[in-house]
Amino acid sequence: LKWPSAVQSLFETFNTISSAGSNLLIPDCEFSHLKAADVYFGKQIAFALLVPMLLVVIVAAWALIFACSRFVVKRKKKKRLKMRDAKDYTVLSCVFLIFLVYPFLTRMIFSMLKCPQIGDRSYLVADLQEECVGSKNGQRHSTYFAALTIPQIFIYVAGLPIGIFLLLRRNKDKVASNDKSFRIRYGFLFIGFRKERAWWETVTAARKVAVVIIGTFGTVIASPNL
């Protein structure tokens, strides 16, 4: 469809926001002097540490805000930020940012499986000179696959939705009673759903994973076998 330029700009903006700025997190151009496979595996390490780094930054930021609020209260006699509120906002920030990076992180994790078969060997799409696991010279890919991809599938791809499901199921009384602190912390995950279906965000996450899997293996299946 020939969308107007304003609508195209709107689509591009929402695409960037929904993918947590993934278009801004591609450092390939800055590392063009390195082999594509080296840059790709380096990004895999960086994105594997993305969630822990985000959590550390968020906790440090809110600790700084809380400390500064105490100083401002003494100087300007404003309302002090309570410790309980600071904890609630910290958890809310963590949940929100993890929710944003989840689709992009899932794509990065499964991109390690994009290995079309060419002849009797499989090659990594990110660098078609890099052989994948199972091939004769695929030792490096095998190492990164075992050390990064498999743990991330269990921890991030499957672990986060399962964790959300268990959290909401165990605290269904707080969801039903509309507990203020719990709603501030985790309301982003269940607001908009019926209380008895508060865990439905896990189904949405499963759909996102399914789309990524289809995109990953669909690309491999459609590739020519030379």
Protein backbone atom coordinates (compact mmCIF):
# COMPACT_ATOMS: atom_id res chain seq x y z
CA LEU A 1 0.00 0.00 0.00
CA LYS A 2 1.17 3.51 -0.77
CA TRP A 3 0.87 5.07 2.64
CA PRO A 4 1.31 8.84 3.02
CA SER A 5 4.71 9.91 4.35
CA ALA A 6 3.18 10.95 7.68
CA VAL A 7 1.69 7.46 8.19
CA GLN A 8 4.98 5.80 7.20
CA SER A 9 6.81 7.94 9.76
CA LEU A 10 4.23 6.88 12.34
CA PHE A 11 4.79 3.19 11.51
CA GLU A 12 8.57 3.59 11.72
CA THR A 13 8.30 5.36 15.07
CA PHE A 14 6.09 2.65 16.57
CA ASN A 15 8.35 -0.05 15.13
CA THR A 16 11.34 1.49 16.88
CA ILE A 17 9.46 1.87 20.17
CA SER A 18 7.95 -1.62 20.10
CA SER A 19 11.34 -3.23 19.44
CA ALA A 20 12.96 -1.30 22.30
CA GLY A 21 15.04 0.74 19.89
CA SER A 22 16.65 -2.27 18.23
CA ASN A 23 17.31 -0.10 15.18
CA LEU A 24 19.52 2.00 17.41
CA LEU A 25 21.31 -0.99 18.95
CA ILE A 26 23.02 -2.34 15.84
CA PRO A 27 26.73 -1.47 16.02
CA ASP A 28 27.72 -3.26 12.81
CA CYS A 29 28.70 -0.08 10.98
CA GLU A 30 31.07 0.96 13.78
CA PHE A 31 32.78 -2.45 13.64
CA SER A 32 32.98 -2.81 9.88
CA HIS A 33 36.72 -3.43 10.17
CA LEU A 34 36.01 -6.74 11.96
CA LYS A 35 34.67 -9.99 10.55
CA ALA A 36 30.88 -10.19 10.53
CA ALA A 37 30.95 -13.35 12.66
CA ASP A 38 33.15 -11.70 15.31
CA VAL A 39 30.74 -8.77 15.59
CA TYR A 40 27.74 -11.10 15.67
CA PHE A 41 29.08 -13.26 18.49
CA GLY A 42 30.12 -10.15 20.39
CA LYS A 43 26.55 -8.85 20.14
CA GLN A 44 25.27 -12.20 21.39
CA ILE A 45 27.37 -11.80 24.53
CA ALA A 46 26.24 -8.19 25.01
CA PHE A 47 22.54 -9.00 24.64
CA ALA A 48 22.86 -12.00 26.92
CA LEU A 49 23.95 -9.54 29.62
CA LEU A 50 21.38 -6.90 28.64
CA VAL A 51 18.73 -7.79 31.22
CA PRO A 52 21.13 -7.93 34.20
CA MET A 53 22.68 -4.62 33.10
CA LEU A 54 19.25 -3.01 32.83
CA LEU A 55 18.32 -4.19 36.31
CA VAL A 56 21.54 -2.80 37.79
CA VAL A 57 21.09 0.56 36.06
CA ILE A 58 17.44 0.85 37.14
CA VAL A 59 18.16 -0.01 40.77
CA ALA A 60 21.08 2.43 40.84
CA ALA A 61 18.98 5.18 39.22
CA TRP A 62 16.11 4.87 41.68
CA ALA A 63 18.52 4.64 44.62
CA LEU A 64 20.04 7.92 43.42
CA ILE A 65 16.58 9.48 43.00
CA PHE A 66 15.61 8.39 46.51
CA ALA A 67 18.81 9.83 47.98
CA CYS A 68 18.35 13.10 46.09
CA SER A 69 14.73 13.37 47.22
CA ARG A 70 15.85 13.37 50.83
CA PHE A 71 18.26 16.20 50.07
CA VAL A 72 15.62 18.21 48.19
CA VAL A 73 13.14 17.76 51.05
CA LYS A 74 15.56 19.34 53.49
CA ARG A 75 16.34 22.25 51.14
CA LYS A 76 12.91 23.05 49.68
CA LYS A 77 10.55 21.36 52.16
CA LYS A 78 8.87 19.23 49.49
CA LYS A 79 7.16 15.88 49.94
CA ARG A 80 9.70 13.14 50.54
CA LEU A 81 9.79 10.02 48.37
CA LYS A 82 8.96 7.08 50.60
CA MET A 83 11.07 3.94 50.56
CA ARG A 84 8.02 1.82 49.72
CA ASP A 85 7.19 4.04 46.74
CA ALA A 86 10.79 3.92 45.53
CA LYS A 87 10.70 0.11 45.64
CA ASP A 88 7.40 0.04 43.76
CA TYR A 89 8.73 2.35 41.03
CA THR A 90 11.94 0.34 40.79
CA VAL A 91 10.05 -2.90 40.18
CA LEU A 92 7.72 -1.12 37.73
CA SER A 93 10.67 0.21 35.74
CA CYS A 94 12.29 -3.23 35.62
CA VAL A 95 9.08 -4.92 34.45
CA PHE A 96 8.42 -2.26 31.82
CA LEU A 97 11.89 -2.34 30.28
CA ILE A 98 12.09 -6.14 30.28
CA PHE A 99 8.68 -6.20 28.59
CA LEU A 100 10.03 -3.85 25.90
CA VAL A 101 13.24 -5.75 25.18
CA TYR A 102 11.63 -9.21 25.28
CA PRO A 103 10.61 -9.42 21.58
CA PHE A 104 13.95 -8.08 20.34
CA LEU A 105 15.88 -10.31 22.75
CA THR A 106 13.92 -13.33 21.53
CA ARG A 107 14.80 -12.53 17.91
CA MET A 108 18.47 -12.21 18.80
CA ILE A 109 18.46 -15.53 20.64
CA PHE A 110 16.82 -17.46 17.82
CA SER A 111 18.96 -15.76 15.18
CA MET A 112 21.69 -18.18 16.27
CA LEU A 113 19.54 -20.93 14.73
CA LYS A 114 19.42 -19.29 11.31
CA CYS A 115 21.71 -21.78 9.63
CA PRO A 116 20.59 -22.75 6.11
CA GLN A 117 21.92 -26.00 4.69
CA ILE A 118 24.23 -25.50 1.71
CA GLY A 119 25.50 -28.77 0.36
CA ASP A 120 26.49 -30.99 3.24
CA ARG A 121 27.16 -28.08 5.64
CA SER A 122 25.13 -25.39 7.36
CA TYR A 123 26.21 -21.74 7.53
CA LEU A 124 25.24 -18.84 9.78
CA VAL A 125 23.06 -16.25 8.01
CA ALA A 126 24.86 -13.41 9.80
CA ASP A 127 28.11 -14.53 8.18
CA LEU A 128 27.88 -17.16 5.46
CA GLN A 129 31.55 -18.01 5.93
CA GLU A 130 30.87 -19.17 9.49
CA GLU A 131 29.82 -22.80 9.75
CA CYS A 132 27.16 -23.79 12.26
CA VAL A 133 26.91 -26.53 14.84
CA GLY A 134 27.07 -29.97 13.26
CA SER A 135 29.37 -28.90 10.45
CA LYS A 136 33.02 -29.77 10.17
CA ASN A 137 34.32 -26.34 11.19
CA GLY A 138 31.42 -25.27 13.39
CA GLN A 139 33.24 -25.50 16.72
CA ARG A 140 32.94 -21.78 17.52
CA HIS A 141 29.24 -21.69 16.74
CA SER A 142 28.75 -24.83 18.84
CA THR A 143 30.49 -23.19 21.80
CA TYR A 144 28.39 -20.01 21.66
CA PHE A 145 25.24 -22.02 21.05
CA ALA A 146 25.81 -24.14 24.15
CA ALA A 147 27.06 -21.28 26.35
CA LEU A 148 24.58 -18.54 25.33
CA THR A 149 21.64 -19.70 23.22
CA ILE A 150 20.47 -22.72 25.21
CA PRO A 151 20.64 -20.98 28.63
CA GLN A 152 18.87 -17.90 27.24
CA ILE A 153 16.06 -20.01 25.80
CA PHE A 154 15.40 -21.47 29.25
CA ILE A 155 15.99 -18.24 31.23
CA TYR A 156 14.55 -15.54 28.95
CA VAL A 157 12.36 -17.04 26.23
CA ALA A 158 10.62 -19.61 28.43
CA GLY A 159 11.57 -18.45 31.92
CA LEU A 160 10.14 -14.91 31.81
CA PRO A 161 6.59 -15.88 30.68
CA ILE A 162 6.51 -18.81 33.10
CA GLY A 163 7.73 -16.52 35.88
CA ILE A 164 4.98 -14.01 35.08
CA PHE A 165 2.36 -16.76 35.10
CA LEU A 166 3.48 -18.14 38.46
CA LEU A 167 3.75 -14.64 39.96
CA LEU A 168 0.22 -13.67 38.99
CA ARG A 169 -1.27 -17.04 39.93
CA ARG A 170 0.34 -16.97 43.37
CA ASN A 171 -0.86 -13.40 43.96
CA LYS A 172 -4.33 -13.73 42.47
CA ASP A 173 -5.80 -12.47 45.76
CA LYS A 174 -3.88 -9.20 45.37
CA VAL A 175 -5.01 -8.95 41.78
CA ALA A 176 -8.63 -9.52 42.81
CA SER A 177 -8.42 -7.05 45.70
CA ASN A 178 -6.69 -4.47 43.49
CA ASP A 179 -3.77 -4.15 45.93
CA LYS A 180 -2.18 -0.75 45.29
CA SER A 181 1.47 -1.71 45.69
CA PHE A 182 1.10 -4.88 43.60
CA ARG A 183 -0.83 -2.98 40.91
CA ILE A 184 1.91 -0.36 40.66
CA ARG A 185 4.63 -2.99 40.40
CA TYR A 186 3.03 -5.50 38.06
CA GLY A 187 -0.13 -3.83 36.79
CA PHE A 188 1.49 -3.33 33.41
CA LEU A 189 1.22 -7.11 32.93
CA PHE A 190 -2.46 -7.61 33.72
CA ILE A 191 -4.29 -4.28 33.43
CA GLY A 192 -6.74 -4.62 30.56
CA PHE A 193 -7.50 -8.29 31.23
CA ARG A 194 -10.26 -9.74 33.38
CA LYS A 195 -9.07 -10.57 36.88
CA GLU A 196 -9.56 -14.30 36.35
CA ARG A 197 -7.43 -14.02 33.19
CA ALA A 198 -4.72 -11.78 34.60
CA TRP A 199 -2.08 -14.24 33.41
CA TRP A 200 -3.08 -13.83 29.73
CA GLU A 201 0.06 -11.80 29.00
CA THR A 202 1.94 -15.11 29.01
CA VAL A 203 -0.20 -16.22 26.05
CA THR A 204 0.71 -12.99 24.27
CA ALA A 205 4.38 -13.68 24.95
CA ALA A 206 3.98 -17.21 23.58
CA ARG A 207 2.50 -15.75 20.39
CA LYS A 208 5.49 -13.46 20.01
CA VAL A 209 7.85 -16.40 20.43
CA ALA A 210 5.85 -18.40 17.88
CA VAL A 211 6.13 -15.61 15.33
CA VAL A 212 9.89 -15.38 15.89
CA ILE A 213 10.26 -19.16 15.51
CA ILE A 214 8.26 -19.12 12.28
CA GLY A 215 10.38 -16.27 10.97
CA THR A 216 13.59 -18.06 11.94
CA PHE A 217 12.91 -21.53 10.61
CA GLY A 218 10.80 -20.26 7.72
CA THR A 219 13.84 -18.41 6.45
CA VAL A 220 15.96 -21.56 6.74
CA ILE A 221 13.37 -23.77 5.05
CA ALA A 222 12.98 -21.31 2.17
CA SER A 223 16.72 -21.08 1.56
CA PRO A 224 18.12 -22.82 -1.51
CA ASN A 225 20.10 -26.00 -0.90
CA LEU A 226 23.01 -25.69 -3.28
